[in-house]
Amino acid sequence: MFLKIFRRKTALTDAEYLSDYRRTGDLTGLGELYERHMDMVFAVCFRYLRQEDEAKDAVMQVFEQLITDLKTHEVQNFKSWLHSVARNYCLMQLRQKRVAVGDEGIFEQEAYENFVAEPPEKEDWRIETQLSDLGDCLQILAQEQRRSVELFYFQQLCYQQIAEQTGFAITKVKSYLQNGKRNLKLCMEGKQHG
């Protein structure tokens, strides 16, 4: 809450944030821009890494990568570019894990480079677009709904565990989940038809 008083009064577009960062190197604006898309980055990282802590670490590492990459890359569509950066970062992490356990045959260098360089298959792109939309839709939920949905679906906690972690009554957790799922569904349908 304290830091929010220092934020800009008017929200900038992604392009304005990028231009400002390239001009000044100011990390505050870059942080605000990244925060806008952080749920999408987490969703992508969690999809590939399957571990919440690893996904959270990846979210921070991707931000560190942006600090240098954005000084040299001209980015037209930040959201889709960021999606690709997060995806490629996770693929590199998975490859390093496999190499570390001696399973290099799964990802031979040439096949891996082709996999990363090729555009995602139509089905992968559809799934990744849906994940991106999901990140956007999570932001419109009431805080209690969003927290309950994230704990239930991303961390796979049961009602009792969510209640213990949040302090919500179990009946409230069930209500937040039910309403959160309904609101997410409406938002996602709106994005598909919009």
Protein backbone atom coordinates (compact mmCIF):
# COMPACT_ATOMS: atom_id res chain seq x y z
CA MET A 1 0.00 0.00 0.00
CA PHE A 2 2.76 2.44 0.97
CA LEU A 3 4.52 2.22 -2.40
CA LYS A 4 1.34 2.78 -4.35
CA ILE A 5 1.32 6.47 -3.44
CA PHE A 6 4.43 6.91 -5.57
CA ARG A 7 2.87 5.40 -8.67
CA ARG A 8 1.75 7.49 -11.60
CA LYS A 9 -1.75 8.84 -11.37
CA THR A 10 -2.54 7.89 -14.98
CA ALA A 11 -1.76 4.45 -16.32
CA LEU A 12 0.50 4.34 -19.34
CA THR A 13 0.13 2.00 -22.29
CA ASP A 14 2.61 -0.85 -22.66
CA ALA A 15 4.29 1.03 -25.51
CA GLU A 16 4.64 4.17 -23.38
CA TYR A 17 6.21 2.19 -20.54
CA LEU A 18 8.65 0.57 -22.99
CA SER A 19 9.57 3.87 -24.57
CA ASP A 20 10.08 5.44 -21.14
CA TYR A 21 12.29 2.56 -20.00
CA ARG A 22 14.43 2.63 -23.15
CA ARG A 23 14.85 6.39 -22.79
CA THR A 24 15.54 6.59 -19.04
CA GLY A 25 16.42 3.07 -17.82
CA ASP A 26 14.02 3.70 -14.92
CA LEU A 27 13.10 0.36 -13.31
CA THR A 28 10.02 1.77 -11.55
CA GLY A 29 8.08 2.06 -14.80
CA LEU A 30 9.36 -1.29 -16.03
CA GLY A 31 8.22 -2.83 -12.75
CA GLU A 32 4.75 -1.33 -13.17
CA LEU A 33 4.56 -2.66 -16.72
CA TYR A 34 5.70 -6.13 -15.65
CA GLU A 35 3.27 -6.21 -12.74
CA ARG A 36 0.46 -5.66 -15.24
CA HIS A 37 1.37 -8.98 -16.95
CA MET A 38 2.77 -10.94 -14.01
CA ASP A 39 -0.22 -13.30 -13.66
CA MET A 40 0.14 -14.30 -17.30
CA VAL A 41 3.87 -14.94 -16.82
CA PHE A 42 3.18 -17.02 -13.71
CA ALA A 43 0.52 -19.04 -15.55
CA VAL A 44 2.92 -19.80 -18.42
CA CYS A 45 5.75 -20.72 -16.02
CA PHE A 46 3.50 -22.89 -13.88
CA ARG A 47 2.20 -24.68 -16.97
CA TYR A 48 5.71 -25.69 -17.99
CA LEU A 49 7.48 -26.09 -14.64
CA ARG A 50 4.57 -27.60 -12.66
CA GLN A 51 5.99 -26.40 -9.33
CA GLU A 52 4.72 -23.22 -7.70
CA ASP A 53 8.06 -22.22 -6.16
CA GLU A 54 9.90 -22.82 -9.44
CA ALA A 55 7.25 -20.80 -11.30
CA LYS A 56 7.62 -17.92 -8.82
CA ASP A 57 11.41 -18.01 -9.21
CA ALA A 58 10.96 -18.03 -12.98
CA VAL A 59 8.72 -14.95 -12.78
CA MET A 60 11.54 -13.09 -11.01
CA GLN A 61 14.20 -14.38 -13.42
CA VAL A 62 12.16 -13.33 -16.44
CA PHE A 63 11.95 -9.81 -15.00
CA GLU A 64 15.75 -9.76 -14.55
CA GLN A 65 16.09 -10.85 -18.18
CA LEU A 66 13.80 -8.02 -19.33
CA ILE A 67 16.05 -5.40 -17.75
CA THR A 68 18.79 -6.21 -20.26
CA ASP A 69 16.75 -7.56 -23.20
CA LEU A 70 14.56 -4.48 -23.53
CA LYS A 71 17.61 -2.27 -23.97
CA THR A 72 18.48 -4.08 -27.20
CA HIS A 73 15.16 -5.43 -28.52
CA GLU A 74 12.53 -3.38 -30.31
CA VAL A 75 9.25 -4.81 -29.04
CA GLN A 76 6.01 -4.06 -30.86
CA ASN A 77 3.57 -6.20 -28.86
CA PHE A 78 4.93 -6.47 -25.33
CA LYS A 79 2.39 -9.01 -24.07
CA SER A 80 3.01 -11.59 -26.79
CA TRP A 81 6.77 -10.97 -26.70
CA LEU A 82 6.79 -11.42 -22.92
CA HIS A 83 4.78 -14.61 -23.32
CA SER A 84 7.47 -15.98 -25.66
CA VAL A 85 10.28 -14.89 -23.33
CA ALA A 86 8.62 -16.67 -20.37
CA ARG A 87 7.94 -19.79 -22.44
CA ASN A 88 11.51 -19.97 -23.75
CA TYR A 89 12.94 -19.37 -20.27
CA CYS A 90 10.93 -22.31 -18.92
CA LEU A 91 11.95 -24.56 -21.81
CA MET A 92 15.59 -23.75 -21.08
CA GLN A 93 15.07 -24.62 -17.41
CA LEU A 94 13.49 -27.94 -18.35
CA ARG A 95 16.32 -28.69 -20.74
CA GLN A 96 18.94 -27.93 -18.08
CA LYS A 97 17.17 -30.26 -15.64
CA ARG A 98 17.12 -33.08 -18.17
CA VAL A 99 20.79 -32.58 -19.02
CA ALA A 100 21.66 -32.53 -15.30
CA VAL A 101 20.06 -35.95 -14.77
CA GLY A 102 21.73 -37.37 -17.87
CA ASP A 103 18.60 -37.50 -20.00
CA GLU A 104 20.11 -35.55 -22.87
CA GLY A 105 18.65 -37.84 -25.51
CA ILE A 106 15.21 -36.33 -24.98
CA PHE A 107 16.43 -32.90 -26.00
CA GLU A 108 19.25 -33.15 -28.45
CA GLN A 109 20.60 -29.70 -29.21
CA GLU A 110 19.36 -29.40 -32.79
CA ALA A 111 15.86 -30.69 -32.03
CA TYR A 112 15.62 -28.39 -29.01
CA GLU A 113 16.70 -25.31 -30.97
CA ASN A 114 14.13 -26.10 -33.68
CA PHE A 115 11.46 -26.56 -31.02
CA VAL A 116 12.18 -23.15 -29.47
CA ALA A 117 12.63 -21.38 -32.81
CA GLU A 118 9.47 -22.73 -34.44
CA PRO A 119 6.22 -20.91 -33.79
CA PRO A 120 3.96 -22.87 -31.46
CA GLU A 121 1.57 -25.31 -33.04
CA LYS A 122 -1.97 -24.05 -33.52
CA GLU A 123 -3.19 -26.02 -30.51
CA ASP A 124 -0.33 -24.77 -28.31
CA TRP A 125 -1.01 -21.20 -29.39
CA ARG A 126 -4.70 -21.59 -28.54
CA ILE A 127 -3.84 -22.95 -25.10
CA GLU A 128 -1.28 -20.24 -24.46
CA THR A 129 -3.74 -17.54 -25.58
CA GLN A 130 -6.27 -18.98 -23.16
CA LEU A 131 -3.67 -18.91 -20.36
CA SER A 132 -2.94 -15.29 -21.18
CA ASP A 133 -6.66 -14.48 -21.15
CA LEU A 134 -6.99 -16.36 -17.86
CA GLY A 135 -4.31 -14.14 -16.32
CA ASP A 136 -6.21 -11.06 -17.48
CA CYS A 137 -9.52 -12.42 -16.19
CA LEU A 138 -8.07 -13.31 -12.79
CA GLN A 139 -7.34 -9.61 -12.34
CA ILE A 140 -11.02 -8.67 -12.57
CA LEU A 141 -12.05 -11.00 -9.73
CA ALA A 142 -12.62 -9.71 -6.25
CA GLN A 143 -9.50 -10.26 -4.15
CA GLU A 144 -11.09 -13.06 -2.06
CA GLN A 145 -12.28 -14.87 -5.20
CA ARG A 146 -8.91 -14.54 -6.93
CA ARG A 147 -7.00 -15.79 -3.86
CA SER A 148 -9.33 -18.76 -3.43
CA VAL A 149 -9.16 -19.70 -7.13
CA GLU A 150 -5.36 -19.44 -7.21
CA LEU A 151 -4.94 -21.57 -4.08
CA PHE A 152 -7.46 -24.18 -5.23
CA TYR A 153 -6.40 -24.54 -8.87
CA PHE A 154 -2.76 -23.45 -9.01
CA GLN A 155 -1.64 -24.77 -5.62
CA GLN A 156 -4.25 -27.54 -5.46
CA LEU A 157 -5.16 -26.88 -1.84
CA CYS A 158 -8.41 -28.25 -0.40
CA TYR A 159 -11.13 -26.07 1.15
CA GLN A 160 -9.78 -26.62 4.67
CA GLN A 161 -6.22 -25.67 3.68
CA ILE A 162 -7.45 -22.53 1.92
CA ALA A 163 -9.49 -21.58 4.98
CA GLU A 164 -6.44 -22.07 7.23
CA GLN A 165 -4.14 -20.09 4.95
CA THR A 166 -6.51 -17.18 4.31
CA GLY A 167 -8.60 -17.04 7.47
CA PHE A 168 -11.80 -17.34 5.39
CA ALA A 169 -14.60 -19.57 6.73
CA ILE A 170 -14.94 -22.81 4.73
CA THR A 171 -18.42 -21.77 3.59
CA LYS A 172 -16.92 -18.50 2.31
CA VAL A 173 -14.13 -20.39 0.51
CA LYS A 174 -16.74 -22.50 -1.31
CA SER A 175 -18.73 -19.38 -2.19
CA TYR A 176 -15.63 -17.49 -3.41
CA LEU A 177 -14.64 -20.46 -5.57
CA GLN A 178 -18.11 -20.88 -7.04
CA ASN A 179 -18.49 -17.17 -7.81
CA GLY A 180 -14.88 -16.87 -8.97
CA LYS A 181 -15.27 -19.77 -11.43
CA ARG A 182 -18.50 -18.29 -12.77
CA ASN A 183 -16.92 -14.85 -13.22
CA LEU A 184 -13.84 -16.36 -14.87
CA LYS A 185 -16.02 -18.33 -17.25
CA LEU A 186 -17.99 -15.20 -18.23
CA CYS A 187 -14.78 -13.22 -18.73
CA MET A 188 -13.13 -15.96 -20.81
CA GLU A 189 -16.23 -16.35 -22.97
CA GLY A 190 -16.30 -12.60 -23.48
CA LYS A 191 -12.66 -12.64 -24.64
CA GLN A 192 -13.35 -15.51 -27.08
CA HIS A 193 -16.28 -13.71 -28.64
CA GLY A 194 -14.89 -10.19 -28.27
